[in-house]
Protein backbone atom coordinates (compact mmCIF):
# COMPACT_ATOMS: atom_id res chain seq x y z
CA UNK A 1 6.87 -104.97 13.11
CA UNK A 2 10.53 -105.12 11.47
CA UNK A 3 10.46 -101.67 10.12
CA UNK A 4 9.32 -100.37 13.52
CA UNK A 5 12.27 -102.35 15.12
CA UNK A 6 14.64 -101.05 12.78
CA UNK A 7 13.54 -97.54 13.01
CA UNK A 8 13.99 -97.96 16.93
CA UNK A 9 17.38 -99.24 16.41
CA UNK A 10 18.67 -96.63 14.19
CA UNK A 11 17.26 -93.92 16.31
CA UNK A 12 19.10 -95.43 19.69
CA UNK A 13 22.25 -96.08 17.62
CA UNK A 14 22.49 -92.65 16.10
CA UNK A 15 21.52 -90.61 19.21
CA UNK A 16 24.09 -92.50 21.39
CA UNK A 17 26.66 -91.74 18.84
CA UNK A 18 25.95 -88.05 18.99
CA UNK A 19 25.39 -87.43 22.90
CA UNK A 20 27.54 -90.30 24.10
CA UNK A 21 30.50 -89.90 26.43
CA UNK A 22 32.69 -91.62 23.87
CA UNK A 23 32.81 -90.51 20.28
CA UNK A 24 32.58 -92.83 17.79
CA UNK A 25 34.49 -93.13 14.26
CA UNK A 26 32.36 -91.75 11.52
CA UNK A 27 33.17 -94.60 9.37
CA UNK A 28 31.13 -97.14 12.06
CA UNK A 29 28.37 -94.93 12.31
CA UNK A 30 28.08 -94.69 8.25
CA UNK A 31 28.40 -98.60 8.45
CA UNK A 32 25.59 -98.63 11.06
CA UNK A 33 23.46 -96.64 9.27
CA UNK A 34 24.11 -98.30 5.55
CA UNK A 35 23.56 -101.91 7.17
CA UNK A 36 20.08 -100.82 8.47
CA UNK A 37 19.37 -99.13 5.27
CA UNK A 38 20.11 -102.38 3.66
CA UNK A 39 17.52 -104.17 6.00
CA UNK A 40 14.83 -101.64 4.90
CA UNK A 41 15.59 -102.15 1.30
CA UNK A 42 15.80 -106.11 1.80
CA UNK A 43 12.19 -106.13 3.58
CA UNK A 44 10.82 -104.05 0.90
CA UNK A 45 12.17 -106.25 -1.85
CA UNK A 46 10.95 -109.25 -0.33
CA UNK A 47 7.36 -107.69 0.05
CA UNK A 48 7.38 -106.85 -3.58
CA UNK A 49 8.53 -110.21 -4.54
CA UNK A 50 5.90 -111.88 -2.51
CA UNK A 51 3.12 -109.77 -4.01
CA UNK A 52 4.00 -110.75 -7.53
CA UNK A 53 4.83 -114.43 -7.64
CA UNK A 54 5.01 -115.71 -3.97
CA UNK A 55 8.02 -116.45 -2.12
CA UNK A 56 9.63 -119.89 -2.68
CA UNK A 57 11.67 -122.02 -0.35
CA UNK A 58 14.98 -121.22 -1.60
CA UNK A 59 14.47 -117.54 -1.73
CA UNK A 60 12.91 -117.50 1.90
CA UNK A 61 16.31 -119.31 3.03
CA UNK A 62 18.50 -116.62 0.96
CA UNK A 63 16.61 -113.76 2.54
CA UNK A 64 16.88 -115.35 5.90
CA UNK A 65 20.74 -115.72 5.63
CA UNK A 66 21.13 -111.99 4.06
CA UNK A 67 18.85 -110.87 6.96
CA UNK A 68 21.19 -112.49 9.88
CA UNK A 69 24.22 -111.27 8.05
CA UNK A 70 23.03 -107.59 8.35
CA UNK A 71 21.99 -108.01 11.71
CA UNK A 72 25.34 -109.29 12.62
CA UNK A 73 27.00 -105.87 10.79
CA UNK A 74 24.47 -103.69 12.56
CA UNK A 75 25.45 -105.16 15.90
CA UNK A 76 29.13 -104.83 15.24
CA UNK A 77 28.63 -101.32 14.40
CA UNK A 78 26.08 -100.55 17.22
CA UNK A 79 27.69 -98.54 20.25
CA UNK A 80 24.15 -98.41 22.18
CA UNK A 81 23.87 -102.32 22.34
CA UNK A 82 20.02 -102.17 21.55
CA UNK A 83 20.90 -103.89 18.09
CA UNK A 84 20.67 -107.18 19.67
CA UNK A 85 16.95 -106.95 19.64
CA UNK A 86 16.92 -107.40 15.95
CA UNK A 87 17.70 -111.10 16.35
CA UNK A 88 14.23 -111.48 17.62
CA UNK A 89 13.08 -111.24 13.94
CA UNK A 90 14.80 -114.26 13.06
CA UNK A 91 12.43 -116.73 14.75
CA UNK A 92 9.52 -114.31 13.80
CA UNK A 93 10.02 -114.38 10.28
CA UNK A 94 11.10 -117.98 9.88
CA UNK A 95 7.78 -118.78 11.39
CA UNK A 96 5.99 -117.73 8.30
CA UNK A 97 8.46 -118.98 5.92
CA UNK A 98 9.19 -122.44 7.18
CA UNK A 99 6.90 -122.86 10.03
CA UNK A 100 6.86 -123.50 14.01
CA UNK A 101 9.38 -126.14 14.43
CA UNK A 102 12.03 -124.18 12.51
CA UNK A 103 11.00 -120.85 14.35
CA UNK A 104 11.71 -122.80 17.48
CA UNK A 105 15.05 -123.97 16.60
CA UNK A 106 16.14 -120.52 15.45
CA UNK A 107 14.91 -118.94 18.43
CA UNK A 108 16.86 -121.40 20.63
CA UNK A 109 19.96 -120.71 18.22
CA UNK A 110 19.65 -117.01 18.91
CA UNK A 111 19.34 -117.49 22.62
CA UNK A 112 22.43 -119.78 22.60
CA UNK A 113 24.31 -117.19 20.49
CA UNK A 114 24.11 -114.53 23.05
CA UNK A 115 24.83 -116.90 25.93
CA UNK A 116 27.98 -118.28 23.91
CA UNK A 117 29.04 -114.65 23.55
CA UNK A 118 28.76 -113.96 27.33
CA UNK A 119 30.62 -117.28 28.22
CA UNK A 120 33.49 -116.16 25.54
CA UNK A 121 33.97 -112.48 26.19
CA UNK A 122 32.67 -111.87 29.85
CA UNK A 123 34.45 -113.60 32.77
CA UNK A 124 32.12 -114.68 35.80
CA UNK A 125 29.14 -113.44 33.59
CA UNK A 126 27.06 -115.53 35.56
CA UNK A 127 27.45 -113.65 38.73
CA UNK A 128 26.86 -110.40 36.81
CA UNK A 129 22.98 -109.15 37.37
CA UNK A 130 23.08 -107.32 34.27
CA UNK A 131 24.08 -110.28 32.15
CA UNK A 132 21.59 -112.47 33.38
CA UNK A 133 19.01 -110.05 33.00
CA UNK A 134 19.77 -109.44 29.39
CA UNK A 135 19.45 -113.25 28.81
CA UNK A 136 16.31 -113.39 30.69
CA UNK A 137 14.79 -110.45 28.88
CA UNK A 138 16.06 -111.67 25.46
CA UNK A 139 14.64 -115.33 26.10
CA UNK A 140 11.20 -113.59 27.31
CA UNK A 141 11.24 -111.60 24.00
CA UNK A 142 12.13 -114.53 21.86
CA UNK A 143 9.08 -116.67 23.51
CA UNK A 144 6.57 -113.53 22.98
CA UNK A 145 7.72 -112.97 19.50
CA UNK A 146 7.14 -116.84 18.65
CA UNK A 147 3.83 -117.03 20.24
CA UNK A 148 2.94 -113.46 18.49
CA UNK A 149 3.92 -115.03 15.08
CA UNK A 150 1.79 -118.11 15.81
CA UNK A 151 -1.25 -115.71 16.58
CA UNK A 152 -0.58 -113.87 13.37
CA UNK A 153 -0.60 -117.07 11.59
CA UNK A 154 -3.51 -118.53 13.07
CA UNK A 155 -5.22 -115.09 12.28
CA UNK A 156 -4.13 -115.55 8.40
CA UNK A 157 -5.28 -119.09 8.16
CA UNK A 158 -8.55 -118.26 9.51
CA UNK A 159 -9.12 -115.40 7.31
CA UNK A 160 -7.73 -117.36 4.28
CA UNK A 161 -10.53 -120.08 5.20
CA UNK A 162 -13.42 -117.35 5.71
CA UNK A 163 -12.35 -115.79 2.40
CA UNK A 164 -12.46 -119.39 0.76
CA UNK A 165 -15.98 -120.17 2.35
CA UNK A 166 -17.10 -116.73 1.33
CA UNK A 167 -16.10 -117.63 -2.04
CA UNK A 168 -17.83 -120.86 -2.20
CA UNK A 169 -20.76 -119.65 -0.94
CA UNK A 170 -21.14 -116.94 -3.46
CA UNK A 171 -20.38 -119.54 -6.24
CA UNK A 172 -23.16 -121.52 -4.54
CA UNK A 173 -25.44 -118.76 -4.62
CA UNK A 174 -24.88 -118.24 -8.26
CA UNK A 175 -25.31 -121.84 -8.94
CA UNK A 176 -28.86 -121.89 -6.85
CA UNK A 177 -29.91 -118.97 -8.69
CA UNK A 178 -29.51 -120.68 -11.98
CA UNK A 179 -30.87 -123.76 -10.78
CA UNK A 180 -34.00 -121.90 -9.31
CA UNK A 181 -34.11 -120.34 -12.80
CA UNK A 182 -33.87 -123.64 -14.64
CA UNK A 183 -36.57 -124.90 -12.11
CA UNK A 184 -38.87 -122.14 -12.86
CA UNK A 185 -38.63 -122.53 -16.79
CA UNK A 186 -39.24 -126.23 -16.62
CA UNK A 187 -42.28 -125.66 -14.25
CA UNK A 188 -43.47 -122.97 -16.65
CA UNK A 189 -43.08 -125.43 -19.50
CA UNK A 190 -44.51 -128.47 -17.64
CA UNK A 191 -47.53 -126.46 -16.72
CA UNK A 192 -48.02 -125.16 -20.37
CA UNK A 193 -47.81 -128.68 -21.75
CA UNK A 194 -50.44 -130.01 -19.00
CA UNK A 195 -52.78 -127.00 -19.80
CA UNK A 196 -52.35 -128.00 -23.70
CA UNK A 197 -53.46 -131.41 -22.77
CA UNK A 198 -56.44 -130.45 -20.59
CA UNK A 199 -57.59 -128.03 -23.51
CA UNK A 200 -57.21 -131.14 -25.98
CA UNK A 201 -58.69 -133.71 -23.95
CA UNK A 202 -61.58 -131.98 -22.33
CA UNK A 203 -62.74 -128.71 -24.45
CA UNK A 204 -61.23 -130.29 -27.55
CA UNK A 205 -63.19 -133.61 -27.25
CA UNK A 206 -66.68 -131.57 -26.92
CA UNK A 207 -65.82 -129.05 -29.63
CA UNK A 208 -65.16 -131.93 -32.22
CA UNK A 209 -68.51 -133.36 -31.02
CA UNK A 210 -70.46 -130.11 -31.68
CA UNK A 211 -68.84 -129.70 -34.93
CA UNK A 212 -70.20 -133.13 -35.83
CA UNK A 213 -73.73 -132.89 -34.33
CA UNK A 214 -74.04 -129.37 -36.09
CA UNK A 215 -72.89 -130.89 -39.43
CA UNK A 216 -75.24 -133.59 -38.92
CA UNK A 217 -78.40 -131.27 -37.93
CA UNK A 218 -77.52 -129.38 -41.36
CA UNK A 219 -77.80 -132.52 -43.25
CA UNK A 220 -81.02 -133.83 -41.67
CA UNK A 221 -82.55 -130.43 -41.41
CA UNK A 222 -84.83 -130.86 -44.43
CA UNK A 223 -84.94 -134.86 -44.30
CA UNK A 224 -85.49 -135.58 -40.66
CA UNK A 225 -86.46 -132.94 -38.52
CA UNK A 226 -86.45 -135.01 -35.47
CA UNK A 227 -83.24 -136.37 -36.07
CA UNK A 228 -81.91 -132.83 -36.55
CA UNK A 229 -83.32 -131.65 -33.43
CA UNK A 230 -81.56 -134.24 -31.67
CA UNK A 231 -78.25 -133.59 -32.97
CA UNK A 232 -78.74 -130.11 -32.23
CA UNK A 233 -79.57 -131.15 -28.53
CA UNK A 234 -76.37 -133.26 -28.23
CA UNK A 235 -74.28 -130.42 -29.69
CA UNK A 236 -75.82 -128.12 -26.95
CA UNK A 237 -75.07 -130.55 -24.31
CA UNK A 238 -71.66 -130.90 -25.79
CA UNK A 239 -71.22 -127.41 -25.42
CA UNK A 240 -72.58 -127.01 -21.47
CA UNK A 241 -70.17 -130.04 -20.83
CA UNK A 242 -67.00 -128.04 -22.45
CA UNK A 243 -68.07 -124.82 -20.41
CA UNK A 244 -68.40 -127.18 -17.21
CA UNK A 245 -65.17 -128.96 -17.90
CA UNK A 246 -63.59 -125.26 -18.30
CA UNK A 247 -64.96 -124.29 -14.96
CA UNK A 248 -63.59 -127.49 -13.34
CA UNK A 249 -60.26 -126.70 -14.80
CA UNK A 250 -60.24 -123.38 -13.06
CA UNK A 251 -61.28 -124.63 -9.97
CA UNK A 252 -58.39 -127.10 -9.94
CA UNK A 253 -56.12 -124.51 -10.84
CA UNK A 254 -57.51 -122.30 -7.48
CA UNK A 255 -56.90 -125.56 -5.54
CA UNK A 256 -60.68 -126.06 -5.36
CA UNK A 257 -61.24 -129.71 -6.52
CA UNK A 258 -64.73 -131.53 -6.70
CA UNK A 259 -65.16 -135.35 -6.27
CA UNK A 260 -64.83 -137.25 -9.40
CA UNK A 261 -66.26 -140.64 -10.24
CA UNK A 262 -64.96 -142.26 -13.33
CA UNK A 263 -68.01 -144.76 -13.47
CA UNK A 264 -70.46 -141.74 -13.33
CA UNK A 265 -68.30 -139.74 -15.91
CA UNK A 266 -68.12 -142.80 -18.46
CA UNK A 267 -71.68 -143.47 -18.10
CA UNK A 268 -72.68 -139.98 -19.23
CA UNK A 269 -70.34 -139.95 -21.66
CA UNK A 270 -71.96 -142.94 -23.22
CA UNK A 271 -75.40 -141.89 -22.59
CA UNK A 272 -74.98 -138.54 -24.25
CA UNK A 273 -72.71 -139.84 -27.23
CA UNK A 274 -75.76 -142.42 -28.04
CA UNK A 275 -78.33 -139.54 -28.03
CA UNK A 276 -76.26 -137.57 -30.42
CA UNK A 277 -76.20 -140.53 -33.21
CA UNK A 278 -72.75 -141.73 -34.26
CA UNK A 279 -71.30 -145.24 -33.48
CA UNK A 280 -73.17 -147.44 -30.61
CA UNK A 281 -71.38 -147.25 -27.63
CA UNK A 282 -71.54 -149.89 -24.59
CA UNK A 283 -69.86 -149.71 -21.49
CA UNK A 284 -69.19 -152.36 -18.85
CA UNK A 285 -67.08 -151.95 -15.60
CA UNK A 286 -65.49 -154.53 -13.25
CA UNK A 287 -64.38 -153.77 -9.71
CA UNK A 288 -64.53 -150.81 -7.58
CA UNK A 289 -62.75 -147.79 -8.07
CA UNK A 290 -61.86 -147.14 -4.32
CA UNK A 291 -58.45 -146.75 -3.55
CA UNK A 292 -57.64 -145.12 -7.08
CA UNK A 293 -56.42 -141.33 -6.86
CA UNK A 294 -58.53 -138.89 -8.78
CA UNK A 295 -55.42 -138.29 -11.23
CA UNK A 296 -55.42 -141.95 -12.20
CA UNK A 297 -59.15 -141.93 -12.72
CA UNK A 298 -59.20 -138.74 -14.89
CA UNK A 299 -56.26 -140.11 -16.92
CA UNK A 300 -58.50 -143.08 -17.93
CA UNK A 301 -61.59 -140.93 -18.50
CA UNK A 302 -59.42 -138.51 -20.97
CA UNK A 303 -58.20 -142.09 -22.77
CA UNK A 304 -61.86 -142.83 -23.24
CA UNK A 305 -62.74 -139.50 -24.41
CA UNK A 306 -59.78 -139.63 -27.00
CA UNK A 307 -60.71 -143.32 -28.06
CA UNK A 308 -64.67 -142.19 -28.94
CA UNK A 309 -63.44 -139.25 -30.65
CA UNK A 310 -60.87 -141.40 -32.66
CA UNK A 311 -63.59 -143.76 -33.36
CA UNK A 312 -66.13 -141.19 -34.54
CA UNK A 313 -63.87 -139.02 -36.57
CA UNK A 314 -61.38 -141.58 -38.08
CA UNK A 315 -62.65 -144.99 -37.55
CA UNK A 316 -66.23 -144.88 -39.32
CA UNK A 317 -67.10 -147.33 -36.61
CA UNK A 318 -70.59 -148.61 -36.17
CA UNK A 319 -69.84 -150.06 -32.60
CA UNK A 320 -67.67 -148.98 -29.66
CA UNK A 321 -67.22 -151.13 -26.44
CA UNK A 322 -65.66 -149.30 -23.58
CA UNK A 323 -64.33 -151.85 -20.74
CA UNK A 324 -62.93 -150.66 -17.35
CA UNK A 325 -61.38 -153.30 -14.87
CA UNK A 326 -60.33 -152.20 -11.38
CA UNK A 327 -57.80 -154.57 -9.66
CA UNK A 328 -55.73 -154.73 -6.37
CA UNK A 329 -52.51 -153.85 -8.43
CA UNK A 330 -54.20 -151.46 -11.15
CA UNK A 331 -56.73 -150.39 -13.58
CA UNK A 332 -57.35 -151.07 -17.45
CA UNK A 333 -59.56 -148.93 -19.82
CA UNK A 334 -60.14 -150.46 -23.23
CA UNK A 335 -61.54 -148.83 -26.05
CA UNK A 336 -62.57 -151.26 -29.01
CA UNK A 337 -64.27 -150.33 -32.16
CA UNK A 338 -65.21 -152.00 -35.26
CA UNK A 339 -63.96 -149.34 -37.89
CA UNK A 340 -61.38 -149.51 -40.66
CA UNK A 341 -58.47 -150.13 -38.18
CA UNK A 342 -54.77 -148.87 -38.63
CA UNK A 343 -53.60 -147.92 -42.26
CA UNK A 344 -50.11 -149.96 -41.54
CA UNK A 345 -50.42 -153.89 -41.24
CA UNK A 346 -47.20 -153.48 -38.89
CA UNK A 347 -49.14 -151.86 -36.58
CA UNK A 348 -51.49 -154.98 -35.65
CA UNK A 349 -48.96 -155.20 -33.00
CA UNK A 350 -49.12 -153.37 -29.70
CA UNK A 351 -46.65 -150.64 -29.92
CA UNK A 352 -46.35 -147.15 -28.27
CA UNK A 353 -49.10 -144.77 -29.19
CA UNK A 354 -47.07 -141.85 -30.08
CA UNK A 355 -45.51 -144.18 -32.85
CA UNK A 356 -48.47 -146.11 -34.08
CA UNK A 357 -51.10 -143.39 -34.20
CA UNK A 358 -49.57 -139.66 -34.71
CA UNK A 359 -51.61 -136.71 -33.32
CA UNK A 360 -51.87 -134.55 -30.26
CA UNK A 361 -54.14 -136.33 -28.29
CA UNK A 362 -52.62 -139.64 -28.22
CA UNK A 363 -49.19 -138.19 -27.61
CA UNK A 364 -50.92 -136.11 -24.69
CA UNK A 365 -52.41 -139.21 -23.25
CA UNK A 366 -48.91 -140.86 -23.21
CA UNK A 367 -47.34 -137.64 -21.45
CA UNK A 368 -50.41 -137.74 -18.80
CA UNK A 369 -49.96 -141.36 -18.10
CA UNK A 370 -46.19 -141.59 -17.78
CA UNK A 371 -45.77 -139.50 -14.68
CA UNK A 372 -48.66 -142.03 -12.96
CA UNK A 373 -46.33 -144.92 -13.85
CA UNK A 374 -49.11 -145.99 -16.60
CA UNK A 375 -49.01 -146.93 -20.25
CA UNK A 376 -50.83 -146.50 -23.38
CA UNK A 377 -51.00 -148.82 -26.33
CA UNK A 378 -53.04 -149.15 -29.73
CA UNK A 379 -53.61 -152.44 -31.53
CA UNK A 380 -55.31 -152.58 -34.99
CA UNK A 381 -55.38 -153.99 -38.55
CA UNK A 382 -56.93 -152.56 -41.70
CA UNK A 383 -60.53 -153.38 -41.66
CA UNK A 384 -60.47 -155.21 -38.35
CA UNK A 385 -61.06 -152.12 -35.94
CA UNK A 386 -58.77 -150.39 -33.45
CA UNK A 387 -58.25 -151.14 -29.59
CA UNK A 388 -56.90 -148.76 -27.37
CA UNK A 389 -55.73 -149.76 -23.86
CA UNK A 390 -54.60 -147.32 -21.25
CA UNK A 391 -53.50 -148.74 -17.81
CA UNK A 392 -52.66 -147.05 -14.45
CA UNK A 393 -51.31 -148.30 -11.10
CA UNK A 394 -53.38 -148.44 -8.02
CA UNK A 395 -50.73 -146.64 -5.71
CA UNK A 396 -52.34 -143.15 -5.54
CA UNK A 397 -50.39 -140.07 -6.55
CA UNK A 398 -47.05 -141.91 -7.09
CA UNK A 399 -44.96 -140.74 -9.95
CA UNK A 400 -42.76 -142.99 -11.67
CA UNK A 401 -42.88 -146.28 -10.22
CA UNK A 402 -40.33 -148.43 -12.01
CA UNK A 403 -40.79 -151.53 -10.21
CA UNK A 404 -44.68 -151.78 -10.22
CA UNK A 405 -46.07 -154.71 -12.04
CA UNK A 406 -48.10 -154.00 -15.12
CA UNK A 407 -51.70 -154.65 -14.79
CA UNK A 408 -52.16 -155.95 -18.23
CA UNK A 409 -49.96 -159.01 -17.05
CA UNK A 410 -51.40 -159.12 -13.66
CA UNK A 411 -53.46 -162.37 -13.02
CA UNK A 412 -55.27 -160.60 -10.15
CA UNK A 413 -57.42 -158.41 -12.58
CA UNK A 414 -61.27 -159.66 -12.57
CA UNK A 415 -62.58 -160.75 -15.90
CA UNK A 416 -65.63 -158.91 -17.43
CA UNK A 417 -68.93 -158.76 -15.25
CA UNK A 418 -71.96 -157.36 -16.51
CA UNK A 419 -72.50 -154.84 -19.32
CA UNK A 420 -74.36 -151.47 -19.70
CA UNK A 421 -75.22 -149.84 -23.18
């Protein structure tokens, strides 16, 4: 805006000097052109300085004072009288540098300076229509100029806020993409760990039983044919059961779950375990499993499988007892054997399973029970057998319930009632 106004004033002044009725001294015309050239240079220097390091308040004041001085020099050398329009740039530029209040004060000062000039230099100016018209037009132009500066400042602020919002949205988008990638990575790791637990707890259990029964069948093949056949039958059942559980896992991945009964699954596990030899297994159940989610019941079933596998493979136990208690607060599964016990005497106290007995099975059980709010513990002493205890809360599908009472310490759990073997 300022460059256009400088050009208009320059053209008008030079044109009037060339074609006017009164010839103007060359020195005055040269001063007029030189002052306008200085204004062009001042504006260019101000823009360059602003692009490099911004405009400080002291520099803005210096530029404003220099601009007003050059405006006065141009006006004193102007014979056309148009140069007074340059003073409308004073409140316009001040609005950007100092704000609205300073712009209004300087605009009022420019209007007062023009009024003072008429008062001091023109007698009866108040009766001169041209003087009154000049004053009104100058005041109107000042008002429009300040309004234009306000609109331009508002647009700049809006553009700055928009750019800031765009930058924030872009940064948020990048963060969200990073979070999504992290969530996908964690979900993949969690699913991989879950599948590893499923394979170990289900198929791994049956493969262990198959290996034990095949070895037994080979050992009794020449000594006791009937016992060898029973071992082979138990191995075949374990193979079929492993295939069935693999199919169940596939259906679960496809969101096609089947109803699960812990009592029925444990009864079948005990019955086929007894048919295949090994330790004598007994089972008793107290309470009803109604109100427990399939996730809780499946976790208890995996704990029973792990306890039986450890009793058969490591404990050399003769008897194993499974006990399940369903209460209003939680359920508890206990697997007790009369085997060799734990090797470390300090393990006679109840400690986390992952520390007391190493192995993927117990560690996987602990990882399975933790999201359900459950716990796993192992007690044992050398030569006195081992007791594995798994607990889950009654609340269905409620992960990480820190305030839930421990079912082991709850007086509401019913005692043992009846036994099956």
